[in-house]
Amino acid sequence: MLGIILLGFFITDIIAVLFLHYKVHLFLSKQTFNSTADAGVVFYVSDTKRMLYHAIRLYRTRKIKHIICVGGSRVNKEFSGSQEMRSYLIKHGINADNVLHDTLSYDTRTNWYEALKIIDRHHFNKIVIISSPLHVYRISRIVDRDNVYYSSYTHEEQTILDYLIIYKNIHYYWTTLILAKILSKKNYLRILYWYRNR
C-alpha cells in the first residue's frame, strides 16, 4: 500500500514538473524582440558562462547597448558574482564603460531590486532580462515594469543529466515559492541570506 502511495506521489510530481517545463517553453516562445534595448540584465546563476556568451552575442549584434551584471554577493566569502561576470565580459572585449554591476544582491528579488537602481540611475528605458529558461520565467513573475523583454539562452536537453538538473531546479523553484508564502518576508530573507553566505 505504501509503495502504491509513493508511486502515486512520484507520478504526480513528474506530471507537475513536465507541466511547468511546458509552461516555461511556451512563455519563451512568445517572447519577441526586434529592436535595440538600452541594457541587458544578466543574473548570476549556476550556468553563468552560457548566459554571458548569450549576453555577448546580443551586445555584438547591437540588440543591447549596455550589460548590467547582478547577483552572487557572498559577504562572508568576500565574493561578488556580478564583479566576476563584469571582469569576464571586459576580458572578452566588451567596453568597460558599457558593463555595470551591483555588489549587494544575493537572490532573484534582490537581483532585480539592485538592477532597478542601476536602470533608474542611468535612465534606461528598454530592458532585456537574460538568464536560464526557468530563471527567466521566475523573474517575469517579479518584474512590474513596462518595456521589459526576456531572452534566454538555448538549452538543449540532450542527456539524462540535463533533465535531472532541470528536475532539481524546478523543485528549488517550488521550495522558494512555498517558503516565501509561509514565512514572513524578514524570516524568509534571513534564511536565504544565511543559505547563500554559509
N, C-alpha and C. Protein backbone atom coordinates (compact mmCIF):
# COMPACT_ATOMS: atom_id res chain seq x y z
N MET A 1 0.83 -1.22 0.00
CA MET A 1 0.00 0.00 0.00
C MET A 1 0.86 1.27 0.00
N LEU A 2 1.89 1.25 0.87
CA LEU A 2 2.80 2.40 0.93
C LEU A 2 3.49 2.62 -0.41
N GLY A 3 3.87 1.49 -1.05
CA GLY A 3 4.52 1.59 -2.35
C GLY A 3 3.62 2.23 -3.39
N ILE A 4 2.35 1.91 -3.37
CA ILE A 4 1.39 2.50 -4.31
C ILE A 4 1.25 4.00 -4.07
N ILE A 5 1.19 4.38 -2.79
CA ILE A 5 1.08 5.80 -2.44
C ILE A 5 2.31 6.57 -2.92
N LEU A 6 3.50 5.99 -2.65
CA LEU A 6 4.74 6.64 -3.08
C LEU A 6 4.82 6.74 -4.59
N LEU A 7 4.39 5.69 -5.29
CA LEU A 7 4.37 5.72 -6.75
C LEU A 7 3.42 6.80 -7.26
N GLY A 8 2.29 6.94 -6.58
CA GLY A 8 1.33 7.98 -6.95
C GLY A 8 1.93 9.38 -6.79
N PHE A 9 2.63 9.58 -5.66
CA PHE A 9 3.29 10.87 -5.44
C PHE A 9 4.34 11.13 -6.51
N PHE A 10 5.12 10.10 -6.86
CA PHE A 10 6.18 10.24 -7.86
C PHE A 10 5.60 10.59 -9.23
N ILE A 11 4.54 9.88 -9.63
CA ILE A 11 3.92 10.15 -10.93
C ILE A 11 3.33 11.56 -10.96
N THR A 12 2.68 11.96 -9.86
CA THR A 12 2.12 13.32 -9.78
C THR A 12 3.21 14.36 -9.89
N ASP A 13 4.33 14.10 -9.21
CA ASP A 13 5.47 15.02 -9.24
C ASP A 13 6.02 15.16 -10.66
N ILE A 14 6.18 14.05 -11.34
CA ILE A 14 6.71 14.08 -12.71
C ILE A 14 5.77 14.85 -13.63
N ILE A 15 4.48 14.63 -13.49
CA ILE A 15 3.49 15.35 -14.32
C ILE A 15 3.57 16.85 -14.06
N ALA A 16 3.69 17.22 -12.77
CA ALA A 16 3.78 18.64 -12.41
C ALA A 16 5.05 19.27 -12.99
N VAL A 17 6.17 18.55 -12.94
CA VAL A 17 7.43 19.04 -13.49
C VAL A 17 7.30 19.24 -15.00
N LEU A 18 6.73 18.27 -15.69
CA LEU A 18 6.56 18.37 -17.14
C LEU A 18 5.64 19.52 -17.52
N PHE A 19 4.62 19.76 -16.71
CA PHE A 19 3.68 20.85 -16.99
C PHE A 19 4.38 22.20 -16.85
N LEU A 20 5.17 22.37 -15.77
CA LEU A 20 5.89 23.64 -15.60
C LEU A 20 6.93 23.82 -16.70
N HIS A 21 7.61 22.73 -17.05
CA HIS A 21 8.61 22.79 -18.13
C HIS A 21 7.94 23.25 -19.43
N TYR A 22 6.74 22.75 -19.70
CA TYR A 22 5.98 23.15 -20.88
C TYR A 22 5.60 24.63 -20.80
N LYS A 23 5.14 25.08 -19.62
CA LYS A 23 4.76 26.49 -19.45
C LYS A 23 5.93 27.42 -19.68
N VAL A 24 7.11 27.03 -19.20
CA VAL A 24 8.32 27.85 -19.39
C VAL A 24 8.62 28.00 -20.87
N HIS A 25 8.61 26.90 -21.61
CA HIS A 25 8.92 26.96 -23.04
C HIS A 25 7.83 27.68 -23.83
N LEU A 26 6.58 27.56 -23.39
CA LEU A 26 5.51 28.30 -24.04
C LEU A 26 5.69 29.80 -23.83
N PHE A 27 6.06 30.19 -22.61
CA PHE A 27 6.32 31.60 -22.30
C PHE A 27 7.46 32.14 -23.17
N LEU A 28 8.55 31.38 -23.26
CA LEU A 28 9.70 31.83 -24.04
C LEU A 28 9.38 31.91 -25.53
N SER A 29 8.53 31.03 -26.02
CA SER A 29 8.19 31.03 -27.45
C SER A 29 7.41 32.28 -27.85
N LYS A 30 6.81 32.95 -26.87
CA LYS A 30 6.02 34.15 -27.15
C LYS A 30 6.83 35.43 -27.03
N GLN A 31 8.10 35.30 -26.65
CA GLN A 31 8.93 36.48 -26.48
C GLN A 31 9.53 36.91 -27.81
N THR A 32 9.20 38.11 -28.23
CA THR A 32 9.77 38.66 -29.47
C THR A 32 10.39 40.01 -29.16
N PHE A 33 11.57 40.22 -29.72
CA PHE A 33 12.27 41.48 -29.50
C PHE A 33 13.10 41.78 -30.73
N ASN A 34 12.68 42.81 -31.47
CA ASN A 34 13.33 43.10 -32.75
C ASN A 34 14.06 44.43 -32.80
N SER A 35 14.06 45.18 -31.69
CA SER A 35 14.75 46.46 -31.69
C SER A 35 15.96 46.40 -30.76
N THR A 36 16.55 47.55 -30.47
CA THR A 36 17.71 47.62 -29.59
C THR A 36 17.27 48.08 -28.21
N ALA A 37 17.75 47.38 -27.18
CA ALA A 37 17.43 47.75 -25.80
C ALA A 37 18.58 48.56 -25.21
N ASP A 38 18.24 49.37 -24.21
CA ASP A 38 19.27 50.16 -23.54
C ASP A 38 20.23 49.27 -22.76
N ALA A 39 19.70 48.19 -22.19
CA ALA A 39 20.56 47.31 -21.39
C ALA A 39 20.00 45.90 -21.30
N GLY A 40 20.91 44.96 -21.13
CA GLY A 40 20.54 43.59 -20.82
C GLY A 40 20.97 43.31 -19.40
N VAL A 41 20.09 42.75 -18.60
CA VAL A 41 20.41 42.43 -17.20
C VAL A 41 20.73 40.94 -17.11
N VAL A 42 21.96 40.63 -16.72
CA VAL A 42 22.41 39.24 -16.59
C VAL A 42 22.40 38.86 -15.12
N PHE A 43 21.72 37.77 -14.80
CA PHE A 43 21.59 37.31 -13.42
C PHE A 43 22.61 36.20 -13.14
N TYR A 44 23.28 36.30 -12.01
CA TYR A 44 24.28 35.30 -11.63
C TYR A 44 23.60 34.01 -11.19
N VAL A 45 23.80 32.94 -11.95
CA VAL A 45 23.25 31.62 -11.60
C VAL A 45 24.33 30.58 -11.86
N SER A 46 24.00 29.31 -11.65
CA SER A 46 24.99 28.24 -11.77
C SER A 46 25.56 28.11 -13.18
N ASP A 47 24.76 28.44 -14.19
CA ASP A 47 25.21 28.30 -15.58
C ASP A 47 25.57 29.65 -16.17
N THR A 48 26.35 30.41 -15.41
CA THR A 48 26.62 31.80 -15.75
C THR A 48 27.37 31.96 -17.07
N LYS A 49 28.33 31.10 -17.33
CA LYS A 49 29.15 31.27 -18.53
C LYS A 49 28.30 31.20 -19.80
N ARG A 50 27.34 30.30 -19.85
CA ARG A 50 26.46 30.19 -21.02
C ARG A 50 25.63 31.46 -21.18
N MET A 51 25.20 32.02 -20.06
CA MET A 51 24.44 33.27 -20.11
C MET A 51 25.29 34.42 -20.62
N LEU A 52 26.54 34.46 -20.17
CA LEU A 52 27.44 35.54 -20.59
C LEU A 52 27.72 35.46 -22.09
N TYR A 53 27.87 34.25 -22.62
CA TYR A 53 28.03 34.09 -24.07
C TYR A 53 26.82 34.69 -24.80
N HIS A 54 25.64 34.41 -24.25
CA HIS A 54 24.41 34.92 -24.86
C HIS A 54 24.38 36.45 -24.79
N ALA A 55 24.78 37.03 -23.64
CA ALA A 55 24.81 38.49 -23.49
C ALA A 55 25.81 39.12 -24.46
N ILE A 56 26.96 38.49 -24.61
CA ILE A 56 27.97 38.99 -25.55
C ILE A 56 27.43 38.99 -26.97
N ARG A 57 26.72 37.93 -27.34
CA ARG A 57 26.15 37.85 -28.69
C ARG A 57 25.12 38.95 -28.91
N LEU A 58 24.27 39.20 -27.91
CA LEU A 58 23.27 40.27 -28.03
C LEU A 58 23.94 41.64 -28.14
N TYR A 59 25.02 41.82 -27.40
CA TYR A 59 25.75 43.09 -27.43
C TYR A 59 26.42 43.30 -28.78
N ARG A 60 27.07 42.28 -29.28
CA ARG A 60 27.81 42.40 -30.54
C ARG A 60 26.89 42.52 -31.75
N THR A 61 25.66 42.01 -31.64
CA THR A 61 24.69 42.16 -32.73
C THR A 61 23.82 43.40 -32.52
N ARG A 62 24.23 44.24 -31.55
CA ARG A 62 23.57 45.53 -31.27
C ARG A 62 22.13 45.39 -30.80
N LYS A 63 21.82 44.29 -30.14
CA LYS A 63 20.50 44.12 -29.54
C LYS A 63 20.42 44.82 -28.19
N ILE A 64 21.57 44.94 -27.52
CA ILE A 64 21.64 45.68 -26.25
C ILE A 64 22.85 46.61 -26.29
N LYS A 65 22.71 47.76 -25.63
CA LYS A 65 23.80 48.75 -25.62
C LYS A 65 24.69 48.63 -24.39
N HIS A 66 24.11 48.19 -23.30
CA HIS A 66 24.85 48.03 -22.05
C HIS A 66 24.53 46.65 -21.45
N ILE A 67 25.40 46.19 -20.57
CA ILE A 67 25.14 44.96 -19.84
C ILE A 67 25.22 45.25 -18.35
N ILE A 68 24.16 44.86 -17.63
CA ILE A 68 24.12 45.02 -16.18
C ILE A 68 24.26 43.64 -15.54
N CYS A 69 25.27 43.46 -14.72
CA CYS A 69 25.51 42.18 -14.04
C CYS A 69 25.03 42.28 -12.60
N VAL A 70 24.20 41.35 -12.18
CA VAL A 70 23.69 41.37 -10.81
C VAL A 70 23.76 39.99 -10.18
N GLY A 71 23.92 39.98 -8.86
CA GLY A 71 23.82 38.73 -8.11
C GLY A 71 25.14 38.15 -7.65
N GLY A 72 25.01 37.09 -6.85
CA GLY A 72 26.18 36.35 -6.40
C GLY A 72 26.94 36.97 -5.25
N SER A 73 26.32 37.92 -4.53
CA SER A 73 27.02 38.52 -3.40
C SER A 73 27.15 37.51 -2.27
N ARG A 74 28.36 37.27 -1.82
CA ARG A 74 28.64 36.37 -0.71
C ARG A 74 29.50 37.11 0.29
N VAL A 75 28.85 37.82 1.20
CA VAL A 75 29.56 38.71 2.12
C VAL A 75 30.61 37.96 2.93
N ASN A 76 30.24 36.80 3.49
CA ASN A 76 31.16 36.05 4.34
C ASN A 76 32.38 35.53 3.58
N LYS A 77 32.23 35.40 2.27
CA LYS A 77 33.34 34.90 1.46
C LYS A 77 34.01 36.02 0.67
N GLU A 78 33.58 37.25 0.90
CA GLU A 78 34.12 38.42 0.21
C GLU A 78 34.15 38.18 -1.31
N PHE A 79 33.00 37.72 -1.81
CA PHE A 79 32.89 37.37 -3.23
C PHE A 79 31.67 38.05 -3.83
N SER A 80 31.79 38.49 -5.06
CA SER A 80 30.66 39.06 -5.77
C SER A 80 30.60 38.46 -7.17
N GLY A 81 29.58 37.66 -7.41
CA GLY A 81 29.42 37.04 -8.73
C GLY A 81 29.29 38.07 -9.83
N SER A 82 28.62 39.18 -9.52
CA SER A 82 28.42 40.22 -10.54
C SER A 82 29.76 40.85 -10.96
N GLN A 83 30.68 41.01 -10.01
CA GLN A 83 32.00 41.54 -10.35
C GLN A 83 32.78 40.55 -11.21
N GLU A 84 32.64 39.26 -10.89
CA GLU A 84 33.29 38.22 -11.70
C GLU A 84 32.75 38.24 -13.13
N MET A 85 31.43 38.41 -13.26
CA MET A 85 30.83 38.46 -14.59
C MET A 85 31.32 39.67 -15.36
N ARG A 86 31.39 40.81 -14.67
CA ARG A 86 31.86 42.04 -15.33
C ARG A 86 33.28 41.85 -15.84
N SER A 87 34.15 41.28 -15.03
CA SER A 87 35.54 41.05 -15.43
C SER A 87 35.61 40.13 -16.64
N TYR A 88 34.77 39.11 -16.64
CA TYR A 88 34.74 38.16 -17.75
C TYR A 88 34.33 38.85 -19.05
N LEU A 89 33.30 39.70 -18.97
CA LEU A 89 32.81 40.41 -20.16
C LEU A 89 33.86 41.36 -20.72
N ILE A 90 34.52 42.08 -19.82
CA ILE A 90 35.57 43.02 -20.26
C ILE A 90 36.73 42.25 -20.90
N LYS A 91 37.09 41.13 -20.28
CA LYS A 91 38.16 40.28 -20.81
C LYS A 91 37.84 39.79 -22.21
N HIS A 92 36.54 39.64 -22.50
CA HIS A 92 36.12 39.15 -23.81
C HIS A 92 35.70 40.28 -24.75
N GLY A 93 36.22 41.46 -24.50
CA GLY A 93 36.12 42.55 -25.47
C GLY A 93 34.96 43.51 -25.34
N ILE A 94 34.17 43.39 -24.26
CA ILE A 94 33.07 44.34 -24.06
C ILE A 94 33.64 45.61 -23.42
N ASN A 95 33.27 46.76 -23.98
CA ASN A 95 33.74 48.05 -23.45
C ASN A 95 33.39 48.18 -21.97
N ALA A 96 34.38 48.44 -21.13
CA ALA A 96 34.18 48.51 -19.67
C ALA A 96 33.13 49.56 -19.29
N ASP A 97 33.06 50.64 -20.07
CA ASP A 97 32.08 51.70 -19.78
C ASP A 97 30.65 51.22 -19.97
N ASN A 98 30.49 50.15 -20.71
CA ASN A 98 29.14 49.64 -21.01
C ASN A 98 28.75 48.43 -20.16
N VAL A 99 29.58 48.11 -19.17
CA VAL A 99 29.28 46.99 -18.27
C VAL A 99 29.13 47.51 -16.85
N LEU A 100 27.92 47.40 -16.32
CA LEU A 100 27.61 47.89 -14.97
C LEU A 100 27.32 46.70 -14.06
N HIS A 101 27.45 46.89 -12.76
CA HIS A 101 27.22 45.78 -11.84
C HIS A 101 26.83 46.27 -10.45
N ASP A 102 26.20 45.37 -9.70
CA ASP A 102 25.90 45.66 -8.30
C ASP A 102 26.80 44.80 -7.43
N THR A 103 26.81 45.05 -6.12
CA THR A 103 27.65 44.26 -5.22
C THR A 103 26.87 43.78 -4.00
N LEU A 104 25.55 43.92 -4.02
CA LEU A 104 24.76 43.64 -2.83
C LEU A 104 23.77 42.48 -2.98
N SER A 105 23.32 42.20 -4.20
CA SER A 105 22.21 41.25 -4.37
C SER A 105 22.66 39.80 -4.28
N TYR A 106 21.77 38.96 -3.72
CA TYR A 106 22.12 37.56 -3.48
C TYR A 106 21.00 36.59 -3.81
N ASP A 107 19.83 37.09 -4.25
CA ASP A 107 18.74 36.22 -4.70
C ASP A 107 17.97 36.94 -5.78
N THR A 108 17.00 36.27 -6.39
CA THR A 108 16.32 36.83 -7.55
C THR A 108 15.67 38.18 -7.26
N ARG A 109 15.01 38.29 -6.11
CA ARG A 109 14.33 39.55 -5.78
C ARG A 109 15.31 40.69 -5.55
N THR A 110 16.38 40.43 -4.80
CA THR A 110 17.36 41.50 -4.58
C THR A 110 18.15 41.78 -5.85
N ASN A 111 18.32 40.76 -6.72
CA ASN A 111 18.95 40.99 -8.03
C ASN A 111 18.19 42.06 -8.79
N TRP A 112 16.86 41.87 -8.89
CA TRP A 112 16.04 42.79 -9.66
C TRP A 112 15.97 44.16 -8.97
N TYR A 113 15.91 44.18 -7.66
CA TYR A 113 15.86 45.44 -6.90
C TYR A 113 17.12 46.26 -7.17
N GLU A 114 18.28 45.62 -7.12
CA GLU A 114 19.53 46.34 -7.37
C GLU A 114 19.68 46.71 -8.85
N ALA A 115 19.18 45.85 -9.73
CA ALA A 115 19.22 46.18 -11.17
C ALA A 115 18.39 47.42 -11.45
N LEU A 116 17.22 47.52 -10.79
CA LEU A 116 16.36 48.69 -10.98
C LEU A 116 17.06 49.98 -10.57
N LYS A 117 17.85 49.92 -9.52
CA LYS A 117 18.61 51.12 -9.09
C LYS A 117 19.52 51.59 -10.21
N ILE A 118 20.22 50.64 -10.82
CA ILE A 118 21.13 50.98 -11.93
C ILE A 118 20.35 51.47 -13.14
N ILE A 119 19.25 50.80 -13.45
CA ILE A 119 18.41 51.19 -14.59
C ILE A 119 17.90 52.61 -14.42
N ASP A 120 17.40 52.93 -13.24
CA ASP A 120 16.85 54.27 -13.00
C ASP A 120 17.95 55.32 -12.96
N ARG A 121 19.09 54.97 -12.40
CA ARG A 121 20.21 55.92 -12.30
C ARG A 121 20.70 56.34 -13.68
N HIS A 122 20.66 55.41 -14.62
CA HIS A 122 21.15 55.69 -15.98
C HIS A 122 20.02 56.01 -16.96
N HIS A 123 18.80 56.08 -16.44
CA HIS A 123 17.63 56.43 -17.25
C HIS A 123 17.45 55.48 -18.43
N PHE A 124 17.70 54.19 -18.19
CA PHE A 124 17.46 53.20 -19.23
C PHE A 124 15.96 52.97 -19.34
N ASN A 125 15.50 52.73 -20.57
CA ASN A 125 14.07 52.53 -20.81
C ASN A 125 13.79 51.06 -21.17
N LYS A 126 14.28 50.64 -22.33
CA LYS A 126 14.06 49.25 -22.75
C LYS A 126 15.11 48.33 -22.11
N ILE A 127 14.63 47.23 -21.53
CA ILE A 127 15.49 46.31 -20.81
C ILE A 127 15.25 44.89 -21.30
N VAL A 128 16.32 44.11 -21.39
CA VAL A 128 16.21 42.70 -21.72
C VAL A 128 16.73 41.89 -20.52
N ILE A 129 15.92 40.96 -20.04
CA ILE A 129 16.31 40.07 -18.96
C ILE A 129 17.00 38.85 -19.57
N ILE A 130 18.20 38.54 -19.09
CA ILE A 130 18.98 37.43 -19.64
C ILE A 130 19.29 36.43 -18.52
N SER A 131 18.79 35.22 -18.68
CA SER A 131 19.09 34.18 -17.70
C SER A 131 18.71 32.82 -18.29
N SER A 132 18.75 31.80 -17.45
CA SER A 132 18.37 30.47 -17.89
C SER A 132 16.86 30.42 -18.10
N PRO A 133 16.35 29.45 -18.86
CA PRO A 133 14.91 29.41 -19.16
C PRO A 133 14.00 29.48 -17.94
N LEU A 134 14.24 28.61 -16.95
CA LEU A 134 13.39 28.61 -15.76
C LEU A 134 13.54 29.90 -14.98
N HIS A 135 14.77 30.40 -14.89
CA HIS A 135 15.00 31.63 -14.13
C HIS A 135 14.33 32.83 -14.78
N VAL A 136 14.39 32.89 -16.11
CA VAL A 136 13.69 33.96 -16.83
C VAL A 136 12.20 33.93 -16.51
N TYR A 137 11.64 32.73 -16.48
CA TYR A 137 10.22 32.58 -16.15
C TYR A 137 9.95 33.06 -14.73
N ARG A 138 10.81 32.70 -13.79
CA ARG A 138 10.67 33.16 -12.39
C ARG A 138 10.74 34.68 -12.31
N ILE A 139 11.72 35.25 -13.00
CA ILE A 139 11.92 36.70 -12.96
C ILE A 139 10.71 37.43 -13.52
N SER A 140 10.11 36.87 -14.56
CA SER A 140 8.95 37.52 -15.19
C SER A 140 7.79 37.67 -14.20
N ARG A 141 7.76 36.81 -13.16
CA ARG A 141 6.70 36.88 -12.15
C ARG A 141 6.98 37.97 -11.11
N ILE A 142 8.20 38.50 -11.12
CA ILE A 142 8.60 39.54 -10.16
C ILE A 142 8.57 40.93 -10.78
N VAL A 143 8.97 41.00 -12.05
CA VAL A 143 9.11 42.30 -12.73
C VAL A 143 7.76 42.98 -12.89
N ASP A 144 7.70 44.23 -12.50
CA ASP A 144 6.50 45.05 -12.66
C ASP A 144 6.91 46.36 -13.31
N ARG A 145 7.19 46.29 -14.60
CA ARG A 145 7.72 47.45 -15.31
C ARG A 145 7.46 47.27 -16.80
N ASP A 146 7.16 48.36 -17.49
CA ASP A 146 6.95 48.30 -18.93
C ASP A 146 8.29 48.21 -19.66
N ASN A 147 8.24 47.84 -20.93
CA ASN A 147 9.41 47.79 -21.79
C ASN A 147 10.49 46.84 -21.28
N VAL A 148 10.04 45.72 -20.72
CA VAL A 148 10.98 44.68 -20.29
C VAL A 148 10.74 43.45 -21.16
N TYR A 149 11.82 42.93 -21.73
CA TYR A 149 11.74 41.78 -22.61
C TYR A 149 12.58 40.64 -22.01
N TYR A 150 12.36 39.44 -22.48
CA TYR A 150 13.01 38.27 -21.89
C TYR A 150 13.74 37.48 -22.96
N SER A 151 15.00 37.19 -22.70
CA SER A 151 15.80 36.43 -23.65
C SER A 151 16.58 35.36 -22.90
N SER A 152 16.34 34.12 -23.24
CA SER A 152 17.04 33.01 -22.60
C SER A 152 17.95 32.33 -23.59
N TYR A 153 19.11 31.95 -23.11
CA TYR A 153 20.00 31.19 -23.98
C TYR A 153 19.35 29.84 -24.28
N THR A 154 19.73 29.25 -25.39
CA THR A 154 19.18 27.96 -25.79
C THR A 154 19.78 26.86 -24.93
N HIS A 155 18.93 26.09 -24.32
CA HIS A 155 19.39 24.96 -23.52
C HIS A 155 18.76 23.69 -24.07
N GLU A 156 19.54 22.97 -24.85
CA GLU A 156 19.01 21.76 -25.47
C GLU A 156 19.24 20.57 -24.53
N GLU A 157 18.16 19.94 -24.13
CA GLU A 157 18.27 18.78 -23.25
C GLU A 157 18.71 17.58 -24.07
N GLN A 158 19.93 17.11 -23.83
CA GLN A 158 20.47 16.03 -24.64
C GLN A 158 20.78 14.77 -23.83
N THR A 159 20.99 14.92 -22.52
CA THR A 159 21.35 13.77 -21.70
C THR A 159 20.41 13.67 -20.50
N ILE A 160 20.49 12.53 -19.83
CA ILE A 160 19.71 12.32 -18.60
C ILE A 160 20.11 13.37 -17.57
N LEU A 161 21.41 13.70 -17.53
CA LEU A 161 21.90 14.70 -16.56
C LEU A 161 21.24 16.05 -16.78
N ASP A 162 21.04 16.45 -18.05
CA ASP A 162 20.36 17.72 -18.36
C ASP A 162 18.96 17.73 -17.75
N TYR A 163 18.25 16.63 -17.91
CA TYR A 163 16.89 16.56 -17.37
C TYR A 163 16.89 16.51 -15.85
N LEU A 164 17.88 15.86 -15.26
CA LEU A 164 17.98 15.82 -13.79
C LEU A 164 18.24 17.21 -13.22
N ILE A 165 19.05 18.00 -13.92
CA ILE A 165 19.32 19.38 -13.48
C ILE A 165 18.04 20.21 -13.55
N ILE A 166 17.29 20.06 -14.63
CA ILE A 166 16.01 20.76 -14.76
C ILE A 166 15.07 20.34 -13.65
N TYR A 167 15.00 19.03 -13.38
CA TYR A 167 14.15 18.48 -12.32
C TYR A 167 14.51 19.10 -10.97
N LYS A 168 15.82 19.16 -10.68
CA LYS A 168 16.29 19.74 -9.41
C LYS A 168 15.95 21.23 -9.33
N ASN A 169 16.19 21.96 -10.42
CA ASN A 169 15.94 23.40 -10.42
C ASN A 169 14.46 23.73 -10.25
N ILE A 170 13.59 22.93 -10.83
CA ILE A 170 12.15 23.15 -10.68
C ILE A 170 11.74 22.95 -9.22
N HIS A 171 12.30 21.95 -8.57
CA HIS A 171 11.97 21.73 -7.16
C HIS A 171 12.53 22.83 -6.26
N TYR A 172 13.68 23.36 -6.63
CA TYR A 172 14.23 24.50 -5.90
C TYR A 172 13.29 25.70 -6.05
N TYR A 173 12.80 25.91 -7.26
CA TYR A 173 11.85 26.99 -7.54
C TYR A 173 10.60 26.84 -6.69
N TRP A 174 10.05 25.62 -6.65
CA TRP A 174 8.85 25.39 -5.83
C TRP A 174 9.12 25.62 -4.34
N THR A 175 10.29 25.19 -3.88
CA THR A 175 10.65 25.35 -2.46
C THR A 175 10.70 26.82 -2.08
N THR A 176 11.32 27.65 -2.95
CA THR A 176 11.40 29.09 -2.64
C THR A 176 10.01 29.73 -2.64
N LEU A 177 9.14 29.28 -3.56
CA LEU A 177 7.77 29.81 -3.60
C LEU A 177 7.02 29.47 -2.32
N ILE A 178 7.14 28.23 -1.87
CA ILE A 178 6.44 27.79 -0.66
C ILE A 178 6.96 28.54 0.57
N LEU A 179 8.29 28.64 0.69
CA LEU A 179 8.87 29.33 1.85
C LEU A 179 8.48 30.81 1.87
N ALA A 180 8.45 31.41 0.68
CA ALA A 180 8.07 32.83 0.60
C ALA A 180 6.62 33.04 1.02
N LYS A 181 5.78 32.01 0.81
CA LYS A 181 4.36 32.11 1.18
C LYS A 181 4.13 31.89 2.67
N ILE A 182 4.85 30.92 3.26
CA ILE A 182 4.56 30.56 4.65
C ILE A 182 5.38 31.34 5.68
N LEU A 183 6.50 31.94 5.25
CA LEU A 183 7.33 32.70 6.18
C LEU A 183 7.11 34.19 6.00
N SER A 184 7.39 34.94 7.04
CA SER A 184 7.36 36.39 6.90
C SER A 184 8.52 36.79 5.99
N LYS A 185 8.41 37.95 5.38
CA LYS A 185 9.46 38.40 4.47
C LYS A 185 10.80 38.49 5.19
N LYS A 186 10.78 38.97 6.43
CA LYS A 186 12.01 39.12 7.20
C LYS A 186 12.69 37.77 7.43
N ASN A 187 11.89 36.77 7.87
CA ASN A 187 12.46 35.45 8.14
C ASN A 187 12.90 34.74 6.86
N TYR A 188 12.12 34.93 5.80
CA TYR A 188 12.50 34.32 4.51
C TYR A 188 13.84 34.85 4.05
N LEU A 189 14.02 36.18 4.10
CA LEU A 189 15.28 36.78 3.66
C LEU A 189 16.42 36.40 4.59
N ARG A 190 16.12 36.24 5.87
CA ARG A 190 17.16 35.85 6.82
C ARG A 190 17.68 34.44 6.50
N ILE A 191 16.74 33.52 6.24
CA ILE A 191 17.13 32.14 5.90
C ILE A 191 17.89 32.12 4.57
N LEU A 192 17.39 32.86 3.59
CA LEU A 192 18.02 32.89 2.28
C LEU A 192 19.42 33.48 2.37
N TYR A 193 19.56 34.55 3.16
CA TYR A 193 20.86 35.20 3.31
C TYR A 193 21.85 34.25 3.97
N TRP A 194 21.37 33.50 4.99
CA TRP A 194 22.23 32.52 5.64
C TRP A 194 22.66 31.43 4.66
N TYR A 195 21.68 30.93 3.89
CA TYR A 195 21.94 29.84 2.95
C TYR A 195 22.96 30.26 1.89
N ARG A 196 22.82 31.48 1.39
CA ARG A 196 23.71 31.94 0.33
C ARG A 196 25.10 32.32 0.83
N ASN A 197 25.22 32.59 2.13
CA ASN A 197 26.52 33.05 2.66
C ASN A 197 27.16 32.05 3.63
N ARG A 198 26.58 30.84 3.70
CA ARG A 198 27.11 29.86 4.66
C ARG A 198 28.48 29.33 4.22
